[in-house]
Structures are given as C-alpha cells and as structure tokens.
Protein backbone atom coordinates (compact mmCIF):
# COMPACT_ATOMS: atom_id res chain seq x y z
CA MET A 1 -3.18 22.85 -7.32
CA LEU A 2 -0.60 22.57 -4.54
CA LYS A 3 -3.42 22.76 -1.98
CA ARG A 4 -5.16 19.95 -3.83
CA LEU A 5 -1.97 17.90 -3.74
CA ILE A 6 -1.63 18.43 0.01
CA PHE A 7 -5.30 17.48 0.43
CA HIS A 8 -4.86 14.16 -1.39
CA VAL A 9 -1.46 13.45 0.19
CA SER A 10 -3.01 14.06 3.61
CA ASN A 11 -5.83 11.61 2.86
CA TYR A 12 -3.50 8.95 1.53
CA SER A 13 -1.03 9.53 4.36
CA ALA A 14 -3.72 9.19 7.01
CA GLY A 15 -4.88 5.98 5.40
CA SER A 16 -1.34 4.67 5.03
CA LEU A 17 -0.63 5.51 8.66
CA LEU A 18 -3.66 3.63 9.91
CA VAL A 19 -3.10 0.68 7.58
CA THR A 20 0.55 0.49 8.50
CA LEU A 21 -0.25 0.67 12.20
CA ALA A 22 -2.27 -2.50 11.67
CA SER A 23 0.73 -4.04 9.93
CA ILE A 24 2.93 -2.98 12.81
CA VAL A 25 0.53 -4.73 15.19
CA SER A 26 0.71 -7.94 13.16
CA PHE A 27 4.47 -7.66 12.55
CA PRO A 28 5.67 -8.57 16.07
CA ILE A 29 2.96 -11.22 16.37
CA LEU A 30 4.05 -12.96 13.18
CA THR A 31 7.75 -12.71 13.96
CA ARG A 32 7.12 -14.30 17.35
CA LEU A 33 4.60 -16.97 16.34
CA LEU A 34 6.54 -18.07 13.27
CA THR A 35 10.09 -19.32 13.22
CA VAL A 36 12.65 -17.27 11.31
CA ASP A 37 12.63 -19.74 8.41
CA GLU A 38 8.78 -19.79 8.33
CA TYR A 39 8.85 -16.01 8.09
CA GLY A 40 11.22 -16.37 5.16
CA VAL A 41 8.88 -18.87 3.43
CA MET A 42 5.96 -16.50 3.96
CA ASN A 43 7.89 -13.78 2.12
CA LEU A 44 8.66 -16.15 -0.76
CA VAL A 45 4.93 -16.86 -1.17
CA ALA A 46 4.23 -13.13 -1.00
CA THR A 47 6.81 -12.49 -3.72
CA ALA A 48 5.26 -15.17 -5.96
CA LEU A 49 1.79 -13.70 -5.47
CA SER A 50 3.04 -10.20 -6.27
CA LEU A 51 4.56 -11.44 -9.52
CA LEU A 52 1.44 -13.35 -10.50
CA VAL A 53 -0.97 -10.53 -9.70
CA GLY A 54 1.27 -8.21 -11.72
CA VAL A 55 0.88 -10.50 -14.73
CA ALA A 56 -2.85 -11.09 -14.21
CA LYS A 57 -3.68 -7.38 -14.30
CA LEU A 58 -2.14 -7.09 -17.79
CA GLY A 59 -1.26 -3.49 -16.92
CA VAL A 60 -4.92 -2.44 -17.23
CA GLN A 61 -4.78 -0.87 -13.77
CA HIS A 62 -2.34 1.69 -15.21
CA SER A 63 -4.58 2.18 -18.25
CA ALA A 64 -7.55 2.85 -15.96
CA VAL A 65 -5.76 5.85 -14.48
CA ARG A 66 -4.22 7.10 -17.73
CA PHE A 67 -7.31 6.76 -20.00
CA TYR A 68 -9.87 8.21 -17.59
CA SER A 69 -8.76 11.82 -18.08
CA GLU A 70 -8.81 11.43 -21.87
CA ILE A 71 -12.30 9.92 -21.89
CA LYS A 72 -13.67 12.49 -19.48
CA ALA A 73 -12.16 15.30 -21.58
CA GLY A 74 -13.95 13.91 -24.66
CA LYS A 75 -10.77 12.94 -26.49
CA ARG A 76 -12.03 9.41 -27.26
CA ASN A 77 -15.12 8.09 -29.01
CA VAL A 78 -16.44 6.27 -25.93
CA GLY A 79 -18.20 7.39 -22.79
CA LEU A 80 -17.63 6.70 -19.12
CA ASP A 81 -20.13 3.80 -19.14
CA ALA A 82 -17.96 1.94 -21.63
CA TYR A 83 -14.85 2.85 -19.64
CA VAL A 84 -16.29 1.40 -16.42
CA ALA A 85 -17.52 -1.83 -18.01
CA THR A 86 -14.30 -2.36 -19.94
CA VAL A 87 -12.11 -1.99 -16.85
CA VAL A 88 -14.27 -4.14 -14.57
CA PHE A 89 -15.13 -7.02 -16.90
CA GLY A 90 -11.81 -6.97 -18.73
CA MET A 91 -9.72 -7.22 -15.56
CA ALA A 92 -12.03 -9.79 -13.96
CA GLY A 93 -11.81 -12.02 -17.03
CA VAL A 94 -8.04 -12.03 -17.32
CA GLY A 95 -7.73 -12.40 -13.53
CA LEU A 96 -9.83 -15.55 -13.55
CA ILE A 97 -7.82 -17.07 -16.40
CA ALA A 98 -4.53 -16.32 -14.63
CA THR A 99 -5.80 -17.83 -11.37
CA LEU A 100 -6.81 -21.11 -12.98
CA ALA A 101 -3.61 -21.31 -15.00
CA TRP A 102 -1.41 -20.81 -11.93
CA ALA A 103 -3.38 -23.28 -9.80
CA GLY A 104 -2.56 -25.96 -12.36
CA ALA A 105 0.98 -24.91 -13.19
CA SER A 106 2.15 -24.71 -9.58
CA GLN A 107 1.16 -28.31 -8.99
CA LEU A 108 2.75 -29.66 -12.17
CA MET A 109 6.19 -28.39 -11.17
CA PRO A 110 8.39 -30.99 -9.41
CA ASP A 111 8.83 -30.65 -5.64
CA SER A 112 12.57 -30.20 -6.09
CA PHE A 113 11.95 -26.97 -8.01
CA TRP A 114 10.65 -25.20 -4.89
CA ASN A 115 13.47 -26.36 -2.59
CA ASP A 116 10.95 -26.45 0.28
CA ALA A 117 8.10 -28.94 0.75
CA ARG A 118 5.84 -26.28 2.27
CA LEU A 119 5.73 -24.06 -0.81
CA LYS A 120 3.79 -26.22 -3.29
CA PRO A 121 0.59 -26.68 -1.21
CA LEU A 122 0.74 -23.08 0.02
CA LEU A 123 0.90 -21.79 -3.54
CA LEU A 124 -2.18 -23.81 -4.46
CA LEU A 125 -4.05 -22.52 -1.41
CA THR A 126 -3.24 -18.90 -2.23
CA ALA A 127 -4.01 -19.06 -5.98
CA GLY A 128 -7.46 -17.57 -5.37
CA LEU A 129 -5.84 -14.38 -4.07
CA ILE A 130 -4.78 -13.59 -7.65
CA PHE A 131 -8.38 -13.21 -8.83
CA ILE A 132 -9.42 -11.38 -5.66
CA ARG A 133 -6.63 -8.81 -5.94
CA VAL A 134 -7.16 -8.20 -9.66
CA VAL A 135 -10.87 -7.50 -9.15
CA ASP A 136 -10.07 -5.28 -6.17
CA SER A 137 -7.61 -3.33 -8.32
CA SER A 138 -10.21 -2.80 -11.07
CA PHE A 139 -12.39 -0.83 -8.65
CA VAL A 140 -9.71 0.92 -6.59
CA ASN A 141 -7.91 2.30 -9.63
CA GLN A 142 -11.14 3.78 -10.95
CA LEU A 143 -11.52 5.62 -7.67
CA ARG A 144 -7.89 6.71 -7.95
CA ALA A 145 -8.43 7.97 -11.51
CA GLU A 146 -11.33 10.08 -10.22
CA GLU A 147 -9.06 11.41 -7.43
CA ARG A 148 -11.46 10.10 -4.77
CA SER A 149 -8.78 9.78 -2.13
CA ARG A 150 -11.27 9.87 0.77
CA GLU A 151 -13.11 6.78 -0.42
CA ILE A 152 -9.89 4.89 -1.10
CA THR A 153 -8.59 5.78 2.35
CA VAL A 154 -11.76 4.67 4.14
CA TYR A 155 -11.88 1.41 2.21
CA ASN A 156 -8.23 0.56 2.79
CA VAL A 157 -8.45 1.27 6.51
CA VAL A 158 -11.66 -0.72 7.09
CA ARG A 159 -10.37 -3.57 4.94
CA ARG A 160 -7.07 -3.74 6.79
CA TYR A 161 -8.47 -3.67 10.31
CA ALA A 162 -11.25 -6.15 9.59
CA GLY A 163 -8.63 -8.43 8.06
CA LEU A 164 -6.34 -7.95 11.05
CA ALA A 165 -9.11 -8.89 13.47
CA LEU A 166 -9.82 -12.05 11.50
CA LEU A 167 -6.11 -12.88 11.24
CA LEU A 168 -5.54 -12.54 14.99
CA PHE A 169 -8.58 -14.66 15.75
CA VAL A 170 -7.39 -17.46 13.47
CA LEU A 171 -3.77 -17.33 14.66
CA PHE A 172 -4.65 -17.41 18.35
CA PHE A 173 -7.68 -19.68 18.34
CA VAL A 174 -7.52 -21.85 15.20
CA ALA A 175 -4.04 -22.40 13.70
CA ARG A 176 -0.75 -20.74 14.64
CA ASP A 177 1.05 -21.44 11.38
CA LEU A 178 1.30 -20.40 7.74
CA TRP A 179 -1.91 -22.29 6.90
CA GLY A 180 -3.87 -20.26 9.41
CA PHE A 181 -2.24 -17.04 8.19
CA TYR A 182 -3.19 -17.60 4.55
CA ALA A 183 -6.67 -18.96 5.27
CA ALA A 184 -7.47 -15.78 7.21
CA THR A 185 -5.92 -13.64 4.48
CA ILE A 186 -8.03 -15.24 1.73
CA ILE A 187 -11.31 -14.95 3.66
CA GLY A 188 -10.61 -11.36 4.73
CA GLU A 189 -9.58 -10.10 1.28
CA ALA A 190 -12.47 -11.86 -0.45
CA ALA A 191 -15.02 -10.33 1.94
CA ALA A 192 -13.57 -6.84 1.56
CA THR A 193 -13.53 -7.03 -2.23
CA LEU A 194 -17.14 -8.21 -2.30
CA VAL A 195 -18.21 -5.25 -0.16
CA LEU A 196 -16.31 -2.79 -2.38
CA ALA A 197 -17.73 -4.35 -5.55
CA ALA A 198 -21.30 -4.18 -4.21
CA TRP A 199 -20.90 -0.54 -3.17
CA MET A 200 -19.41 0.59 -6.48
CA TRP A 201 -21.81 -1.54 -8.52
CA LYS A 202 -24.71 0.55 -7.21
CA GLN A 203 -22.97 3.75 -8.34
CA LEU A 204 -21.38 2.67 -11.63
CA ARG A 205 -23.75 -0.12 -12.71
CA PRO A 206 -21.32 -1.69 -15.19
CA ARG A 207 -23.11 -3.71 -17.87
CA LEU A 208 -21.48 -6.39 -19.95
CA ARG A 209 -23.05 -4.99 -23.12
CA ASP A 210 -21.14 -1.72 -22.54
CA PHE A 211 -17.82 -3.55 -22.69
CA ASP A 212 -15.88 -1.91 -25.53
CA ALA A 213 -13.45 -4.27 -27.25
CA PRO A 214 -11.51 -1.54 -29.17
CA LEU A 215 -11.06 0.40 -25.93
CA PHE A 216 -9.86 -2.73 -24.15
CA ARG A 217 -7.37 -3.37 -26.95
CA SER A 218 -6.09 0.17 -26.56
CA MET A 219 -5.82 -0.35 -22.82
CA LEU A 220 -3.92 -3.58 -23.41
CA ALA A 221 -1.60 -1.86 -25.89
CA PHE A 222 -0.81 0.67 -23.18
CA GLY A 223 -0.89 -1.80 -20.32
CA ILE A 224 0.81 -4.98 -21.56
CA PRO A 225 4.26 -3.39 -21.62
CA MET A 226 3.48 -2.40 -18.05
CA ILE A 227 3.34 -6.11 -17.18
CA GLY A 228 7.05 -6.16 -17.79
CA TYR A 229 7.26 -2.99 -15.73
CA GLU A 230 5.18 -4.57 -12.99
CA LEU A 231 7.17 -7.81 -12.91
CA ALA A 232 10.51 -6.08 -13.18
CA SER A 233 9.49 -3.71 -10.38
CA ILE A 234 8.67 -6.68 -8.17
CA ILE A 235 11.94 -8.39 -9.09
CA LEU A 236 13.74 -5.12 -8.45
CA SER A 237 12.19 -4.81 -4.99
CA MET A 238 11.82 -8.47 -3.99
CA GLY A 239 13.94 -10.62 -6.29
CA ASP A 240 16.87 -10.47 -3.90
CA ARG A 241 14.87 -12.74 -1.56
CA TYR A 242 15.48 -15.70 -3.87
CA VAL A 243 19.19 -14.94 -4.22
CA ILE A 244 19.55 -14.69 -0.44
CA GLN A 245 17.63 -17.95 -0.02
CA ALA A 246 19.90 -19.69 -2.52
CA LEU A 247 23.20 -18.27 -1.26
CA LEU A 248 22.65 -17.79 2.48
CA GLY A 249 19.57 -19.81 3.49
CA ALA A 250 16.18 -19.21 5.10
CA GLU A 251 17.36 -17.70 8.41
CA PRO A 252 19.36 -14.80 6.89
CA LEU A 253 16.41 -14.31 4.56
CA GLY A 254 14.19 -13.92 7.62
CA PHE A 255 16.52 -11.22 9.03
CA TYR A 256 16.55 -9.38 5.71
CA SER A 257 12.79 -9.70 5.16
CA ALA A 258 11.98 -8.32 8.61
CA ALA A 259 14.18 -5.26 8.04
CA TYR A 260 12.87 -4.77 4.51
CA ASN A 261 9.25 -5.03 5.67
CA LEU A 262 9.91 -2.49 8.39
CA CYS A 263 11.28 -0.06 5.79
CA ASP A 264 8.22 -0.70 3.65
CA TYR A 265 5.90 0.14 6.54
CA VAL A 266 7.68 3.46 6.98
CA ARG A 267 7.56 4.08 3.21
CA MET A 268 3.82 3.44 3.19
CA ILE A 269 3.21 5.97 5.96
CA PHE A 270 5.43 8.82 4.79
CA LEU A 271 6.27 8.41 1.09
CA ALA A 272 3.78 6.22 -0.81
CA SER A 273 0.97 8.75 -0.44
CA PHE A 274 2.90 11.25 -2.59
CA GLY A 275 2.99 8.89 -5.55
CA ALA A 276 -0.65 7.86 -5.15
CA ALA A 277 -1.74 11.50 -5.17
CA VAL A 278 0.51 13.05 -7.80
CA LEU A 279 0.06 10.67 -10.75
CA PRO A 280 -3.63 11.29 -11.57
CA MET A 281 -3.11 14.97 -10.78
CA TYR A 282 -0.32 15.61 -13.26
CA VAL A 283 -2.06 13.55 -15.96
CA ARG A 284 -5.21 15.66 -15.55
CA MET A 285 -3.18 18.87 -15.46
CA TRP A 286 -1.39 17.89 -18.67
CA GLU A 287 -4.70 17.23 -20.44
CA GLU A 288 -6.34 20.42 -19.20
CA LYS A 289 -3.56 23.01 -18.75
CA GLY A 290 -0.57 21.89 -20.76
CA ARG A 291 3.16 21.47 -20.36
CA ASP A 292 4.33 24.61 -18.54
CA GLU A 293 1.90 24.41 -15.63
CA THR A 294 2.52 20.68 -15.29
CA ALA A 295 6.28 21.20 -15.16
CA ALA A 296 5.93 23.94 -12.54
CA PHE A 297 3.68 21.72 -10.43
CA LEU A 298 6.18 18.83 -10.56
CA ARG A 299 9.05 21.10 -9.51
CA ARG A 300 7.19 22.12 -6.38
CA PHE A 301 6.20 18.54 -5.74
CA MET A 302 9.81 17.33 -5.84
CA HIS A 303 10.88 20.05 -3.43
CA ILE A 304 8.29 18.98 -0.87
CA TYR A 305 8.98 15.28 -1.45
CA THR A 306 12.71 15.79 -0.92
CA MET A 307 12.04 17.59 2.36
CA VAL A 308 10.03 14.63 3.68
CA ALA A 309 12.19 11.88 2.18
CA MET A 310 15.42 13.13 3.73
CA LEU A 311 13.83 13.08 7.18
CA VAL A 312 12.53 9.55 6.62
CA VAL A 313 15.85 8.13 5.38
CA ALA A 314 18.03 9.68 8.06
CA GLY A 315 15.53 9.12 10.85
CA LEU A 316 14.93 5.44 10.15
CA SER A 317 18.66 4.84 9.67
CA ALA A 318 19.25 6.23 13.15
CA VAL A 319 16.58 4.14 14.90
CA GLY A 320 16.52 1.00 12.73
CA GLY A 321 18.15 -1.38 15.19
CA GLU A 322 16.05 -0.32 18.16
CA LEU A 323 12.84 -0.31 16.12
CA ILE A 324 13.41 -3.82 14.76
CA ALA A 325 14.26 -5.16 18.20
CA PHE A 326 11.19 -3.50 19.72
CA LEU A 327 8.72 -4.64 17.07
CA ALA A 328 10.09 -7.95 15.84
CA SER A 329 12.16 -9.01 18.88
CA ASP A 330 15.90 -8.91 19.38
CA LYS A 331 16.46 -12.05 17.29
CA TYR A 332 15.87 -9.97 14.14
CA ARG A 333 18.28 -7.15 15.06
CA ALA A 334 20.89 -8.55 12.66
CA GLY A 335 18.78 -7.17 9.81
CA ALA A 336 19.21 -3.55 10.97
CA GLN A 337 22.43 -3.18 8.99
CA VAL A 338 20.48 -3.07 5.70
CA VAL A 339 17.99 -0.36 6.73
CA PRO A 340 19.85 2.75 5.41
CA TYR A 341 20.34 1.20 1.98
CA VAL A 342 16.81 -0.17 1.65
CA ILE A 343 14.96 2.96 2.79
CA GLY A 344 17.28 5.07 0.64
CA GLY A 345 16.37 3.00 -2.41
CA MET A 346 12.67 3.27 -1.60
CA ALA A 347 12.96 7.05 -1.33
CA LEU A 348 14.57 7.23 -4.79
CA ASP A 349 11.88 4.96 -6.22
CA GLY A 350 9.22 7.39 -5.02
CA LEU A 351 10.56 9.99 -7.48
CA VAL A 352 10.72 7.74 -10.54
CA MET A 353 7.14 8.28 -11.76
CA VAL A 354 7.56 12.05 -11.35
CA ALA A 355 11.06 12.44 -12.80
CA GLY A 356 9.96 10.28 -15.74
CA ALA A 357 6.50 11.86 -16.07
CA GLY A 358 7.08 12.51 -19.78
CA LEU A 359 7.21 8.77 -20.47
CA TYR A 360 3.88 8.18 -18.80
CA ILE A 361 2.18 11.18 -20.42
CA GLU A 362 3.34 10.09 -23.90
CA LYS A 363 2.26 6.49 -23.15
CA ARG A 364 5.76 5.19 -23.83
CA THR A 365 5.14 2.15 -21.68
CA LYS A 366 7.54 -0.03 -23.64
CA THR A 367 10.36 2.33 -22.75
CA VAL A 368 9.27 2.34 -19.11
CA MET A 369 9.21 -1.45 -19.11
CA LEU A 370 12.66 -1.76 -20.67
CA LEU A 371 14.17 0.65 -18.16
CA VAL A 372 12.77 -1.25 -15.19
CA VAL A 373 13.73 -4.62 -16.69
CA ALA A 374 17.28 -3.41 -17.19
CA CYS A 375 17.54 -2.14 -13.63
CA ALA A 376 15.99 -5.35 -12.25
CA ALA A 377 18.60 -7.37 -14.15
CA VAL A 378 21.33 -5.13 -12.75
CA ASN A 379 19.92 -5.64 -9.27
CA ILE A 380 19.97 -9.45 -9.54
CA GLY A 381 23.45 -9.37 -11.06
CA LEU A 382 24.75 -7.15 -8.28
CA ASN A 383 23.14 -9.43 -5.71
CA LEU A 384 25.02 -12.41 -7.13
CA VAL A 385 28.28 -10.46 -6.95
CA LEU A 386 27.87 -8.53 -3.68
CA ILE A 387 26.10 -11.04 -1.40
CA PRO A 388 29.08 -13.45 -1.31
CA VAL A 389 31.31 -10.49 -0.37
CA TRP A 390 29.16 -8.33 1.93
CA GLY A 391 26.29 -10.65 2.89
CA LEU A 392 22.94 -8.98 3.51
CA VAL A 393 24.46 -5.52 3.12
CA GLY A 394 25.44 -6.50 -0.40
CA ALA A 395 21.80 -7.27 -1.24
CA ALA A 396 20.64 -3.95 0.19
CA ALA A 397 23.40 -1.99 -1.58
CA ALA A 398 22.40 -3.64 -4.87
CA THR A 399 18.82 -2.44 -4.33
CA LEU A 400 19.98 1.14 -3.69
CA ILE A 401 22.20 1.21 -6.79
CA ALA A 402 19.45 -0.23 -9.00
CA TYR A 403 16.88 2.34 -7.87
CA ALA A 404 19.37 5.17 -8.39
CA GLY A 405 19.95 3.92 -11.92
CA LEU A 406 16.23 3.67 -12.61
CA LEU A 407 15.66 7.24 -11.45
CA ALA A 408 18.47 8.58 -13.64
CA LEU A 409 17.31 6.67 -16.72
CA SER A 410 13.65 7.66 -16.29
CA MET A 411 14.61 11.30 -16.00
CA ALA A 412 16.83 11.12 -19.11
CA PHE A 413 14.29 9.33 -21.32
CA GLY A 414 11.35 11.46 -20.22
CA ARG A 415 13.04 14.80 -20.94
CA ARG A 416 11.77 15.08 -24.52
CA CYS A 417 8.17 15.47 -23.45
CA LEU A 418 8.47 16.99 -20.00
CA PRO A 419 11.90 17.84 -18.56
CA ALA A 420 12.10 17.10 -14.85
CA GLN A 421 15.26 17.66 -12.85
CA ILE A 422 16.08 16.61 -9.32
CA PRO A 423 16.11 19.83 -7.25
CA LEU A 424 19.79 19.85 -6.30
CA VAL A 425 19.42 22.86 -4.00
CA SER A 426 16.67 21.05 -2.10
CA VAL A 427 18.73 17.86 -1.94
CA LEU A 428 21.74 19.70 -0.54
CA LYS A 429 19.66 21.76 1.88
CA PHE A 430 17.56 18.95 3.34
CA GLY A 431 20.35 16.41 2.98
CA GLY A 432 22.60 18.57 5.15
CA ILE A 433 19.89 18.96 7.77
CA ALA A 434 19.20 15.22 7.72
CA TRP A 435 22.89 14.35 8.10
CA ALA A 436 23.26 16.72 11.06
CA MET A 437 20.18 15.17 12.66
CA TYR A 438 21.54 11.65 12.12
CA LEU A 439 24.88 12.49 13.75
CA VAL A 440 23.06 13.80 16.80
CA LEU A 441 20.64 10.88 17.07
CA VAL A 442 23.17 8.03 16.90
CA ARG A 443 24.88 9.49 19.96
CA ILE A 444 21.72 9.28 22.06
CA ASP A 445 21.60 6.17 24.24
CA VAL A 446 19.51 6.36 27.41
CA GLY A 447 19.50 2.63 28.17
CA GLY A 448 17.02 0.13 26.77
CA ASP A 449 15.72 -0.11 23.23
CA PHE A 450 12.35 1.52 23.84
CA ALA A 451 13.70 4.47 25.84
CA THR A 452 16.46 5.09 23.30
CA LEU A 453 13.98 4.77 20.43
CA ALA A 454 11.58 7.29 22.00
CA ALA A 455 14.39 9.74 22.79
CA ARG A 456 15.83 9.58 19.28
CA MET A 457 12.46 9.94 17.55
CA THR A 458 11.31 12.95 19.56
CA THR A 459 14.71 14.66 19.32
CA GLY A 460 14.99 13.96 15.60
CA ALA A 461 11.52 15.27 14.79
CA ALA A 462 12.04 18.46 16.76
CA LEU A 463 15.53 19.08 15.38
CA TYR A 464 14.63 18.45 11.74
CA MET A 465 11.50 20.58 11.94
CA ALA A 466 13.31 23.48 13.61
CA LEU A 467 16.18 23.52 11.11
CA THR A 468 13.84 23.10 8.14
CA LEU A 469 11.59 25.97 9.21
CA LEU A 470 14.68 28.09 9.74
CA VAL A 471 16.02 27.70 6.19
CA ASP A 472 13.01 26.90 3.97
CA ALA A 473 10.24 29.35 3.08
CA ASP A 474 7.95 26.69 1.61
CA ALA A 475 8.05 24.74 4.87
CA ARG A 476 7.07 27.86 6.78
CA GLN A 477 4.21 28.49 4.35
CA LEU A 478 2.93 24.92 4.70
CA LEU A 479 3.06 25.17 8.48
CA THR A 480 1.19 28.49 8.44
CA THR A 481 -1.47 27.10 6.08
CA GLY A 482 -1.95 24.01 8.23
CA TRP A 483 -2.12 26.05 11.42
CA ASN A 484 -4.72 28.41 9.96
CA LYS A 485 -6.82 25.48 8.81
CA LEU A 486 -6.71 23.96 12.29
CA ARG A 487 -7.78 27.26 13.82
CA ARG A 488 -10.74 27.49 11.42
CA LEU A 489 -11.74 23.94 12.30
CA LYS A 490 -11.67 24.73 16.02
CA THR A 491 -13.71 27.88 15.60
CA GLY A 492 -16.25 26.28 13.24
CA GLY A 493 -15.16 28.33 10.23
CA PRO A 494 -15.62 27.46 6.56
CA ALA A 495 -13.10 24.62 6.64
CA ALA A 496 -15.25 22.85 9.21
CA THR A 497 -18.49 23.11 7.28
CA THR A 498 -17.60 22.49 3.65
CA ASN A 499 -17.38 19.09 2.02
CA THR A 500 -15.71 20.29 -1.16
CA GLU A 501 -12.08 19.65 -1.96
CA PRO A 502 -9.71 22.62 -2.16
CA THR A 503 -8.63 23.61 -5.65
C-alpha cells in the first residue's frame, strides 16, 4: 500500500509541479502588468469565487469520494450507474441555481458595500465561473474516488497550460487589465470543462433517469455540513484578506497576497499531492481491511509527510525574500516577512484530514464543520487583534495559530474511531535537520537575488538530503526503491513495460 501511495503522490506531485510552473510563469507577468492595488482586487474576487463555489457544490464533491467505496463494495442498494448520474446531474443542477442567484444578488447590493467601484461589475462577469467549476468538480472527484491519478494529472496539466496560453494572448494583445484576465479565465475554464465532460460522458454515459433521489439526499446529508467546512476553510485561509483591506488598505494587501500566493504555489508542488492521494486510499483501506491496517498506513504516511514538510517550511523561509523579488519584482519584497508563518500553517493543514481521519470515516461532517468554523472565527478574531499591533506579520501569525488549533482539535475528536498521533520522533528528527539547514542557508549571500537564491536552494537540498539519509532508514529505503525503479526503466525491465499500478 505504501508503494501505491508513492505512485499516486508521484502522479499528483508531477501534475502539481507542472501546473504550478504555469502559475509561476503568470505570477511575475500579473504582478508587473497590474498595479499593487489591482492585484489586491483580483485576490478579493478570487476569495469571493472560492466562497461561492464552496456553497454551490453543497459538499457533494466530498460525498463523491466517500460514497464511491461503499457503493463499489456493495454496501448500498444502488449501483455505479446511479452513483455517476446522481453526482453529475445533482451537482450541475445546484451549480446552475447558485450561479443565477449570485448574478442577481451581487448587483442588488449597494456600491458602497464593496468599497471599490471595480468589484461589482467584475463579480457579475465572473458569476459563470461558479457553474463551470462545480461541473468540473463533479467529474474530477469521480476520477479521484476511483484513484485515477494519471488521468487527473494529465487533465490538470493540459487545462492549465491551454488556459495560460489564452491568458497571455489576451493580456498582451487584447486587454492588459482585470477585464482581460477574467475574460480569458472564463473562456479557458469553460473550454477545458467541456472537453473533460465529453471525454467522461463517453465512458460513464450518465442518464438522467438513473439519478437516484434517496442517494442524493444521503450525499447532501453528508455533504451539506461540509459547506460550512468548505466556507470556513476558505475564510480560514483567505478571510484575512478582507481584514487587511479594511485595516491597512489595498497596497499592503497586495504585498500579503503575493507572498501568500507564492507559499501556495510551493504547497501545491510539494504538499498538496499527499492529501489528494491519501484520502481515497485510507477510505478504501478502511472499507476493505479494517482499522488496524488503516492506522498503520496513516502512521507511515505521517512520517513521510513530516520529512517533506519540514524541508519545505525551512527551505522556503530561507529563500522567501529572494524568491518573491525574483518572481514578482522587488516591489513585493515587503511581503517576505509573512512567509515562514504562512507556509508553516499550510504544512499543518496538510495533516488535518489524516490526523482527523476518524471523523471522515464515521461521516461526522457536522463535527468537522464546527471545528473548522471555530478555527476560522479564531483566525478572524486574531487578525483583528494582531494586525493593528504587528501589521502583516500579525495576519500570518493568526493563520499559523488557527491551523495549529484545527490540527489539534481534529486529532482529539477523531480518536474514538481511529487514533492518529503526530509522530513526535519524526517531528524532532526532521525539525532539527530543517533548523540546521535554515541556519546555514540564511548566511549564504553571493550577491544578487538570483545568485543567492540558486546557491541557497542547491545547498539546502543537498544538506537536507544528506542529513536525512544519514539518520532515517525509511528515507534510505525510498531512495533505494526509486533508484532501482529508474535502473529498470533504463534497461527496459518490467517497470518500463507494464501499465498496471503497483499494489
């Protein structure tokens, strides 16, 4: 099962790397074409869309992953045809209703509510993205439930690069502003979703008559509490934007957003793939093999995750300033001060769904929702207290504290079904290595942002890898397994000829 995890993590990581590289290409272009306050407005629209899409899905995307294993194992009175039709038509219907409702509501609100004349028309323009993203999610999460990481990776990469090409064309040859940005985004996402829907329609052939109302009600019962989870998660990760806008203004918000987005790019490459891979795996393992094997699998997962996460947190903290200046331009360097707190919070968040696996397995979505809502409220409250004192660092520190609280609460409430403990030995081991690496890296300065960035990254990677291989047997085993697989590929052995996934 560990080999299977590494297989899926590798697929998701490769996809995340390629997708994020496209984001890194667009990142310096957007930060240079747009003013700092326009970049801040763009992030406010993105936050609004994230909240609205979270509501429009009604949590059914989580149900799609959770219910698939039960239906496939024959533990429900419906077949996979009903499952497919219920997910596709159910999510499309609620997505359309939410889109139309928001298009009207956004225009009925007074201009003074938005505190920026650009927001109201932009929100109307982007309303269609709600429906597009909900439909896209209905198909992608079915692929995720089936653990088809290859297909998801290919789709995400093609979708992102085709969208990037369209975006660059529009920005350079049509309109260099937020209107051009969102017009290109809408066209690109709509085209990609249509292609995915056509491809999956041929395989799944969902029929409206197969839509199962009782199943959809069960999915809603599981999923609706996850709306609160979804919204609270967005508020937890992005709500500080509105507090910063209110207390400090659009320009500081631009600094903060650039640094936060950079951290998110790094998270997508190195950490997000773990969560995407592990969730359907431990649900399936629970249904097929029971508690003990699931618990053992999660312990090994957390050890490997900790090894990677410590490198990411310490490494990005050491190069944050130079990386922001190189990618976004020196005018955004002021945001580098928040990087250690933000990436640290993101690393903790990556463990929440694993440490609280018992809640998800038992379908205690109301508890999950309440925990995230509580931590989101704490985050906003801390922002209101800390931003006037510490500025942008206060916002980032509030995010870190809130994610730490969410991790602790999830672990405590999920213990009844499936105890999961943070591997303290792994934290101390890899944390010590990461701290030593950080102390070395911050002393490297060879003149110029790019040269210093390159020197720190190469030194950090070599140092962390050497120390980790020296003290950790699992790391040595993973390296040996990977090396043997590469050798078989080069020599045309079994790994080069088979299309089956490892078990």
